Amino acid sequence: WVPFCRELWSSAEQQQNYLPGVPEGSDLCLTPVSA
């Protein structure tokens, strides 16, 4: 989502659920709010 965008994470996707595939296992996470 960040081609031609100064952000590293599109803030259009704030407060969006995501599930990382990490070795310790993870519950659902929530993307941060951008002021």
All heavy atoms as atom14 arrays in JSON, in Angstrom:
{
  "sequence": "WVPFCRELWSSAEQQQNYLPGVPEGSDLCLTPVSA",
  "atom14_mask": [
    [1, 1, 1, 1, 1, 1, 1, 1, 1, 1, 1, 1, 1, 1],
    [1, 1, 1, 1, 1, 1, 1, 0, 0, 0, 0, 0, 0, 0],
    [1, 1, 1, 1, 1, 1, 1, 0, 0, 0, 0, 0, 0, 0],
    [1, 1, 1, 1, 1, 1, 1, 1, 1, 1, 1, 0, 0, 0],
    [1, 1, 1, 1, 1, 1, 0, 0, 0, 0, 0, 0, 0, 0],
    [1, 1, 1, 1, 1, 1, 1, 1, 1, 1, 1, 0, 0, 0],
    [1, 1, 1, 1, 1, 1, 1, 1, 1, 0, 0, 0, 0, 0],
    [1, 1, 1, 1, 1, 1, 1, 1, 0, 0, 0, 0, 0, 0],
    [1, 1, 1, 1, 1, 1, 1, 1, 1, 1, 1, 1, 1, 1],
    [1, 1, 1, 1, 1, 1, 0, 0, 0, 0, 0, 0, 0, 0],
    [1, 1, 1, 1, 1, 1, 0, 0, 0, 0, 0, 0, 0, 0],
    [1, 1, 1, 1, 1, 0, 0, 0, 0, 0, 0, 0, 0, 0],
    [1, 1, 1, 1, 1, 1, 1, 1, 1, 0, 0, 0, 0, 0],
    [1, 1, 1, 1, 1, 1, 1, 1, 1, 0, 0, 0, 0, 0],
    [1, 1, 1, 1, 1, 1, 1, 1, 1, 0, 0, 0, 0, 0],
    [1, 1, 1, 1, 1, 1, 1, 1, 1, 0, 0, 0, 0, 0],
    [1, 1, 1, 1, 1, 1, 1, 1, 0, 0, 0, 0, 0, 0],
    [1, 1, 1, 1, 1, 1, 1, 1, 1, 1, 1, 1, 0, 0],
    [1, 1, 1, 1, 1, 1, 1, 1, 0, 0, 0, 0, 0, 0],
    [1, 1, 1, 1, 1, 1, 1, 0, 0, 0, 0, 0, 0, 0],
    [1, 1, 1, 1, 0, 0, 0, 0, 0, 0, 0, 0, 0, 0],
    [1, 1, 1, 1, 1, 1, 1, 0, 0, 0, 0, 0, 0, 0],
    [1, 1, 1, 1, 1, 1, 1, 0, 0, 0, 0, 0, 0, 0],
    [1, 1, 1, 1, 1, 1, 1, 1, 1, 0, 0, 0, 0, 0],
    [1, 1, 1, 1, 0, 0, 0, 0, 0, 0, 0, 0, 0, 0],
    [1, 1, 1, 1, 1, 1, 0, 0, 0, 0, 0, 0, 0, 0],
    [1, 1, 1, 1, 1, 1, 1, 1, 0, 0, 0, 0, 0, 0],
    [1, 1, 1, 1, 1, 1, 1, 1, 0, 0, 0, 0, 0, 0],
    [1, 1, 1, 1, 1, 1, 0, 0, 0, 0, 0, 0, 0, 0],
    [1, 1, 1, 1, 1, 1, 1, 1, 0, 0, 0, 0, 0, 0],
    [1, 1, 1, 1, 1, 1, 1, 0, 0, 0, 0, 0, 0, 0],
    [1, 1, 1, 1, 1, 1, 1, 0, 0, 0, 0, 0, 0, 0],
    [1, 1, 1, 1, 1, 1, 1, 0, 0, 0, 0, 0, 0, 0],
    [1, 1, 1, 1, 1, 1, 0, 0, 0, 0, 0, 0, 0, 0],
    [1, 1, 1, 1, 1, 0, 0, 0, 0, 0, 0, 0, 0, 0]
  ],
  "atom14_positions": [
    [[0.8, -1.22, 0.0], [0.0, 0.0, 0.0], [0.84, 1.28, 0.0], [0.26, 2.37, -0.12], [-0.93, 0.03, 1.22], [-2.13, -0.82, 1.04], [-2.34, -2.05, 1.58], [-3.3, -0.53, 0.27], [-3.56, -2.55, 1.2], [-4.18, -1.63, 0.4], [-3.69, 0.56, -0.51], [-5.41, -1.68, -0.23], [-4.94, 0.51, -1.13], [-5.77, -0.59, -0.99]],
    [[2.16, 1.17, 0.15], [2.92, 2.41, 0.32], [3.68, 2.91, -0.91], [4.42, 3.89, -0.79], [3.91, 2.31, 1.51], [3.16, 2.01, 2.79], [4.99, 1.27, 1.25], [0.0, 0.0, 0.0], [0.0, 0.0, 0.0], [0.0, 0.0, 0.0], [0.0, 0.0, 0.0], [0.0, 0.0, 0.0], [0.0, 0.0, 0.0], [0.0, 0.0, 0.0]],
    [[3.53, 2.33, -2.1], [4.12, 3.02, -3.26], [3.55, 4.43, -3.39], [2.33, 4.63, -3.24], [3.72, 2.14, -4.45], [3.52, 0.79, -3.87], [2.94, 1.03, -2.51], [0.0, 0.0, 0.0], [0.0, 0.0, 0.0], [0.0, 0.0, 0.0], [0.0, 0.0, 0.0], [0.0, 0.0, 0.0], [0.0, 0.0, 0.0], [0.0, 0.0, 0.0]],
    [[4.42, 5.41, -3.65], [4.02, 6.82, -3.77], [3.41, 7.34, -2.46], [2.62, 8.28, -2.48], [3.05, 7.02, -4.92], [3.52, 6.44, -6.22], [2.87, 5.36, -6.79], [4.62, 6.98, -6.87], [3.32, 4.82, -7.99], [5.07, 6.44, -8.07], [4.42, 5.36, -8.63], [0.0, 0.0, 0.0], [0.0, 0.0, 0.0], [0.0, 0.0, 0.0]],
    [[3.76, 6.73, -1.35], [3.23, 7.14, -0.05], [4.4, 7.31, 0.92], [5.32, 6.5, 0.93], [2.25, 6.1, 0.47], [1.58, 6.44, 2.1], [0.0, 0.0, 0.0], [0.0, 0.0, 0.0], [0.0, 0.0, 0.0], [0.0, 0.0, 0.0], [0.0, 0.0, 0.0], [0.0, 0.0, 0.0], [0.0, 0.0, 0.0], [0.0, 0.0, 0.0]],
    [[4.36, 8.35, 1.75], [5.45, 8.6, 2.67], [5.37, 7.71, 3.91], [6.34, 7.6, 4.66], [5.44, 10.07, 3.09], [5.86, 11.02, 1.97], [5.56, 12.46, 2.31], [6.12, 12.9, 3.58], [7.4, 13.25, 3.75], [8.25, 13.18, 2.73], [7.83, 13.66, 4.93], [0.0, 0.0, 0.0], [0.0, 0.0, 0.0], [0.0, 0.0, 0.0]],
    [[4.24, 7.08, 4.13], [4.07, 6.22, 5.31], [4.68, 4.84, 5.08], [4.85, 4.4, 3.95], [2.59, 6.07, 5.64], [1.9, 7.34, 6.09], [0.5, 7.07, 6.56], [-0.35, 6.7, 5.73], [0.25, 7.24, 7.77], [0.0, 0.0, 0.0], [0.0, 0.0, 0.0], [0.0, 0.0, 0.0], [0.0, 0.0, 0.0], [0.0, 0.0, 0.0]],
    [[4.97, 4.13, 6.18], [5.41, 2.74, 6.12], [4.24, 1.79, 6.33], [4.32, 0.62, 5.98], [6.49, 2.48, 7.18], [7.76, 3.32, 7.05], [8.74, 2.96, 8.15], [8.4, 3.12, 5.69], [0.0, 0.0, 0.0], [0.0, 0.0, 0.0], [0.0, 0.0, 0.0], [0.0, 0.0, 0.0], [0.0, 0.0, 0.0], [0.0, 0.0, 0.0]],
    [[3.19, 2.31, 6.93], [1.95, 1.55, 7.1], [0.82, 2.48, 6.71], [0.7, 3.58, 7.25], [1.77, 1.08, 8.54], [0.43, 0.44, 8.76], [-0.72, 1.06, 9.15], [0.09, -0.92, 8.55], [-1.76, 0.17, 9.2], [-1.29, -1.07, 8.85], [0.82, -2.05, 8.15], [-1.94, -2.29, 8.74], [0.16, -3.25, 8.06], [-1.19, -3.37, 8.36]],
    [[-0.01, 2.07, 5.79], [-1.1, 2.93, 5.35], [-2.07, 3.19, 6.5], [-2.68, 2.27, 7.03], [-1.85, 2.27, 4.18], [-3.03, 2.98, 3.9], [0.0, 0.0, 0.0], [0.0, 0.0, 0.0], [0.0, 0.0, 0.0], [0.0, 0.0, 0.0], [0.0, 0.0, 0.0], [0.0, 0.0, 0.0], [0.0, 0.0, 0.0], [0.0, 0.0, 0.0]],
    [[-2.2, 4.46, 6.88], [-3.1, 4.81, 7.98], [-4.57, 4.65, 7.6], [-5.45, 4.78, 8.45], [-2.84, 6.24, 8.45], [-1.54, 6.34, 9.0], [0.0, 0.0, 0.0], [0.0, 0.0, 0.0], [0.0, 0.0, 0.0], [0.0, 0.0, 0.0], [0.0, 0.0, 0.0], [0.0, 0.0, 0.0], [0.0, 0.0, 0.0], [0.0, 0.0, 0.0]],
    [[-4.83, 4.38, 6.33], [-6.19, 4.01, 5.95], [-6.58, 2.67, 6.56], [-7.75, 2.31, 6.6], [-6.31, 3.95, 4.43], [0.0, 0.0, 0.0], [0.0, 0.0, 0.0], [0.0, 0.0, 0.0], [0.0, 0.0, 0.0], [0.0, 0.0, 0.0], [0.0, 0.0, 0.0], [0.0, 0.0, 0.0], [0.0, 0.0, 0.0], [0.0, 0.0, 0.0]],
    [[-5.58, 1.94, 7.05], [-5.8, 0.62, 7.65], [-5.7, 0.66, 9.17], [-5.44, -0.35, 9.8], [-4.79, -0.38, 7.09], [-4.83, -0.55, 5.6], [-3.66, -1.39, 5.08], [-2.6, -0.83, 4.8], [-3.83, -2.61, 4.98], [0.0, 0.0, 0.0], [0.0, 0.0, 0.0], [0.0, 0.0, 0.0], [0.0, 0.0, 0.0], [0.0, 0.0, 0.0]],
    [[-5.88, 1.82, 9.79], [-5.77, 1.89, 11.24], [-6.94, 1.19, 11.91], [-8.03, 1.09, 11.35], [-5.66, 3.34, 11.71], [-6.77, 4.26, 11.3], [-6.47, 5.7, 11.67], [-6.06, 5.98, 12.79], [-6.64, 6.61, 10.74], [0.0, 0.0, 0.0], [0.0, 0.0, 0.0], [0.0, 0.0, 0.0], [0.0, 0.0, 0.0], [0.0, 0.0, 0.0]],
    [[-6.68, 0.68, 13.11], [-7.66, -0.1, 13.89], [-8.17, -1.3, 13.08], [-9.35, -1.62, 13.09], [-8.82, 0.78, 14.36], [-8.39, 1.84, 15.37], [-9.56, 2.64, 15.91], [-10.15, 3.43, 15.2], [-9.88, 2.43, 17.17], [0.0, 0.0, 0.0], [0.0, 0.0, 0.0], [0.0, 0.0, 0.0], [0.0, 0.0, 0.0], [0.0, 0.0, 0.0]],
    [[-7.24, -1.95, 12.42], [-7.55, -3.12, 11.6], [-6.92, -4.34, 12.23], [-5.76, -4.31, 12.65], [-7.02, -2.89, 10.19], [-7.31, -4.01, 9.21], [-6.93, -3.6, 7.81], [-7.43, -2.61, 7.3], [-6.06, -4.35, 7.19], [0.0, 0.0, 0.0], [0.0, 0.0, 0.0], [0.0, 0.0, 0.0], [0.0, 0.0, 0.0], [0.0, 0.0, 0.0]],
    [[-7.65, -5.44, 12.3], [-7.12, -6.66, 12.89], [-6.07, -7.31, 11.99], [-6.19, -7.28, 10.78], [-8.25, -7.66, 13.13], [-9.3, -7.14, 14.09], [-10.42, -6.89, 13.69], [-8.94, -7.0, 15.35], [0.0, 0.0, 0.0], [0.0, 0.0, 0.0], [0.0, 0.0, 0.0], [0.0, 0.0, 0.0], [0.0, 0.0, 0.0], [0.0, 0.0, 0.0]],
    [[-5.05, -7.89, 12.62], [-4.07, -8.67, 11.86], [-3.51, -9.76, 12.77], [-3.52, -9.65, 13.99], [-2.95, -7.79, 11.3], [-2.01, -7.18, 12.32], [-0.75, -7.73, 12.57], [-2.36, -6.02, 13.02], [0.12, -7.17, 13.48], [-1.5, -5.45, 13.93], [-0.26, -6.02, 14.16], [0.6, -5.46, 15.09], [0.0, 0.0, 0.0], [0.0, 0.0, 0.0]],
    [[-3.05, -10.84, 12.14], [-2.53, -12.0, 12.86], [-1.11, -12.29, 12.4], [-0.91, -12.78, 11.29], [-3.4, -13.23, 12.63], [-2.99, -14.48, 13.4], [-3.23, -14.3, 14.89], [-3.73, -15.72, 12.89], [0.0, 0.0, 0.0], [0.0, 0.0, 0.0], [0.0, 0.0, 0.0], [0.0, 0.0, 0.0], [0.0, 0.0, 0.0], [0.0, 0.0, 0.0]],
    [[-0.1, -11.99, 13.23], [1.29, -12.28, 12.85], [1.58, -13.78, 12.93], [1.1, -14.46, 13.85], [2.12, -11.5, 13.89], [1.15, -10.6, 14.59], [-0.18, -11.28, 14.51], [0.0, 0.0, 0.0], [0.0, 0.0, 0.0], [0.0, 0.0, 0.0], [0.0, 0.0, 0.0], [0.0, 0.0, 0.0], [0.0, 0.0, 0.0], [0.0, 0.0, 0.0]],
    [[2.37, -14.26, 12.0], [2.83, -15.64, 12.05], [4.19, -15.69, 12.73], [5.22, -15.81, 12.07], [0.0, 0.0, 0.0], [0.0, 0.0, 0.0], [0.0, 0.0, 0.0], [0.0, 0.0, 0.0], [0.0, 0.0, 0.0], [0.0, 0.0, 0.0], [0.0, 0.0, 0.0], [0.0, 0.0, 0.0], [0.0, 0.0, 0.0], [0.0, 0.0, 0.0]],
    [[4.21, -15.59, 14.05], [5.45, -15.5, 14.82], [5.71, -16.82, 15.54], [4.77, -17.56, 15.86], [5.39, -14.33, 15.83], [5.35, -13.0, 15.07], [4.17, -14.43, 16.73], [0.0, 0.0, 0.0], [0.0, 0.0, 0.0], [0.0, 0.0, 0.0], [0.0, 0.0, 0.0], [0.0, 0.0, 0.0], [0.0, 0.0, 0.0], [0.0, 0.0, 0.0]],
    [[6.99, -17.14, 15.83], [7.31, -18.45, 16.4], [6.72, -18.69, 17.78], [6.5, -19.83, 18.18], [8.85, -18.45, 16.44], [9.26, -17.02, 16.34], [8.2, -16.35, 15.54], [0.0, 0.0, 0.0], [0.0, 0.0, 0.0], [0.0, 0.0, 0.0], [0.0, 0.0, 0.0], [0.0, 0.0, 0.0], [0.0, 0.0, 0.0], [0.0, 0.0, 0.0]],
    [[6.46, -17.61, 18.55], [5.88, -17.78, 19.87], [4.35, -17.84, 19.84], [3.7, -18.09, 20.85], [6.31, -16.64, 20.8], [5.82, -15.26, 20.41], [6.75, -14.51, 19.45], [7.54, -15.18, 18.76], [6.69, -13.27, 19.43], [0.0, 0.0, 0.0], [0.0, 0.0, 0.0], [0.0, 0.0, 0.0], [0.0, 0.0, 0.0], [0.0, 0.0, 0.0]],
    [[3.77, -17.63, 18.66], [2.32, -17.6, 18.53], [1.76, -16.27, 18.96], [2.32, -15.58, 19.81], [0.0, 0.0, 0.0], [0.0, 0.0, 0.0], [0.0, 0.0, 0.0], [0.0, 0.0, 0.0], [0.0, 0.0, 0.0], [0.0, 0.0, 0.0], [0.0, 0.0, 0.0], [0.0, 0.0, 0.0], [0.0, 0.0, 0.0], [0.0, 0.0, 0.0]],
    [[0.65, -15.87, 18.36], [0.06, -14.57, 18.66], [-1.45, -14.63, 18.58], [-2.02, -15.41, 17.8], [0.59, -13.52, 17.67], [-0.07, -12.27, 17.85], [0.0, 0.0, 0.0], [0.0, 0.0, 0.0], [0.0, 0.0, 0.0], [0.0, 0.0, 0.0], [0.0, 0.0, 0.0], [0.0, 0.0, 0.0], [0.0, 0.0, 0.0], [0.0, 0.0, 0.0]],
    [[-2.1, -13.81, 19.39], [-3.53, -13.59, 19.26], [-3.74, -12.51, 18.2], [-2.77, -11.94, 17.67], [-4.12, -13.16, 20.59], [-5.63, -13.39, 20.67], [-6.23, -13.71, 19.62], [-6.2, -13.23, 21.76], [0.0, 0.0, 0.0], [0.0, 0.0, 0.0], [0.0, 0.0, 0.0], [0.0, 0.0, 0.0], [0.0, 0.0, 0.0], [0.0, 0.0, 0.0]],
    [[-4.99, -12.19, 17.89], [-5.26, -11.09, 16.97], [-4.7, -9.79, 17.52], [-4.81, -9.51, 18.71], [-6.77, -10.94, 16.76], [-7.46, -11.86, 15.76], [-8.96, -11.55, 15.74], [-6.88, -11.71, 14.37], [0.0, 0.0, 0.0], [0.0, 0.0, 0.0], [0.0, 0.0, 0.0], [0.0, 0.0, 0.0], [0.0, 0.0, 0.0], [0.0, 0.0, 0.0]],
    [[-4.09, -9.01, 16.64], [-3.57, -7.7, 17.01], [-4.38, -6.62, 16.31], [-5.19, -6.9, 15.41], [-2.1, -7.57, 16.61], [-1.01, -8.81, 17.37], [0.0, 0.0, 0.0], [0.0, 0.0, 0.0], [0.0, 0.0, 0.0], [0.0, 0.0, 0.0], [0.0, 0.0, 0.0], [0.0, 0.0, 0.0], [0.0, 0.0, 0.0], [0.0, 0.0, 0.0]],
    [[-4.17, -5.36, 16.71], [-4.9, -4.23, 16.14], [-3.9, -3.19, 15.68], [-2.99, -2.81, 16.44], [-5.85, -3.64, 17.19], [-6.97, -2.74, 16.68], [-7.95, -3.54, 15.82], [-7.71, -2.1, 17.85], [0.0, 0.0, 0.0], [0.0, 0.0, 0.0], [0.0, 0.0, 0.0], [0.0, 0.0, 0.0], [0.0, 0.0, 0.0], [0.0, 0.0, 0.0]],
    [[-4.04, -2.74, 14.44], [-3.11, -1.74, 13.92], [-3.3, -0.42, 14.66], [-4.4, -0.1, 15.11], [-3.3, -1.53, 12.41], [-4.64, -1.08, 12.17], [-3.07, -2.82, 11.66], [0.0, 0.0, 0.0], [0.0, 0.0, 0.0], [0.0, 0.0, 0.0], [0.0, 0.0, 0.0], [0.0, 0.0, 0.0], [0.0, 0.0, 0.0], [0.0, 0.0, 0.0]],
    [[-2.25, 0.37, 14.77], [-2.32, 1.57, 15.61], [-3.16, 2.68, 15.01], [-3.33, 2.77, 13.8], [-0.84, 2.0, 15.7], [-0.21, 1.43, 14.47], [-0.92, 0.14, 14.2], [0.0, 0.0, 0.0], [0.0, 0.0, 0.0], [0.0, 0.0, 0.0], [0.0, 0.0, 0.0], [0.0, 0.0, 0.0], [0.0, 0.0, 0.0], [0.0, 0.0, 0.0]],
    [[-3.67, 3.52, 15.9], [-4.39, 4.73, 15.48], [-3.36, 5.8, 15.12], [-2.35, 5.96, 15.79], [-5.3, 5.23, 16.61], [-5.93, 6.57, 16.24], [-6.38, 4.21, 16.9], [0.0, 0.0, 0.0], [0.0, 0.0, 0.0], [0.0, 0.0, 0.0], [0.0, 0.0, 0.0], [0.0, 0.0, 0.0], [0.0, 0.0, 0.0], [0.0, 0.0, 0.0]],
    [[-3.6, 6.51, 14.04], [-2.72, 7.6, 13.62], [-3.45, 8.92, 13.86], [-4.56, 9.14, 13.35], [-2.36, 7.45, 12.13], [-1.42, 8.42, 11.75], [0.0, 0.0, 0.0], [0.0, 0.0, 0.0], [0.0, 0.0, 0.0], [0.0, 0.0, 0.0], [0.0, 0.0, 0.0], [0.0, 0.0, 0.0], [0.0, 0.0, 0.0], [0.0, 0.0, 0.0]],
    [[-2.83, 9.8, 14.64], [-3.46, 11.05, 15.04], [-3.72, 11.96, 13.84], [-2.99, 11.9, 12.84], [-2.58, 11.78, 16.06], [0.0, 0.0, 0.0], [0.0, 0.0, 0.0], [0.0, 0.0, 0.0], [0.0, 0.0, 0.0], [0.0, 0.0, 0.0], [0.0, 0.0, 0.0], [0.0, 0.0, 0.0], [0.0, 0.0, 0.0], [0.0, 0.0, 0.0]]
  ]
}
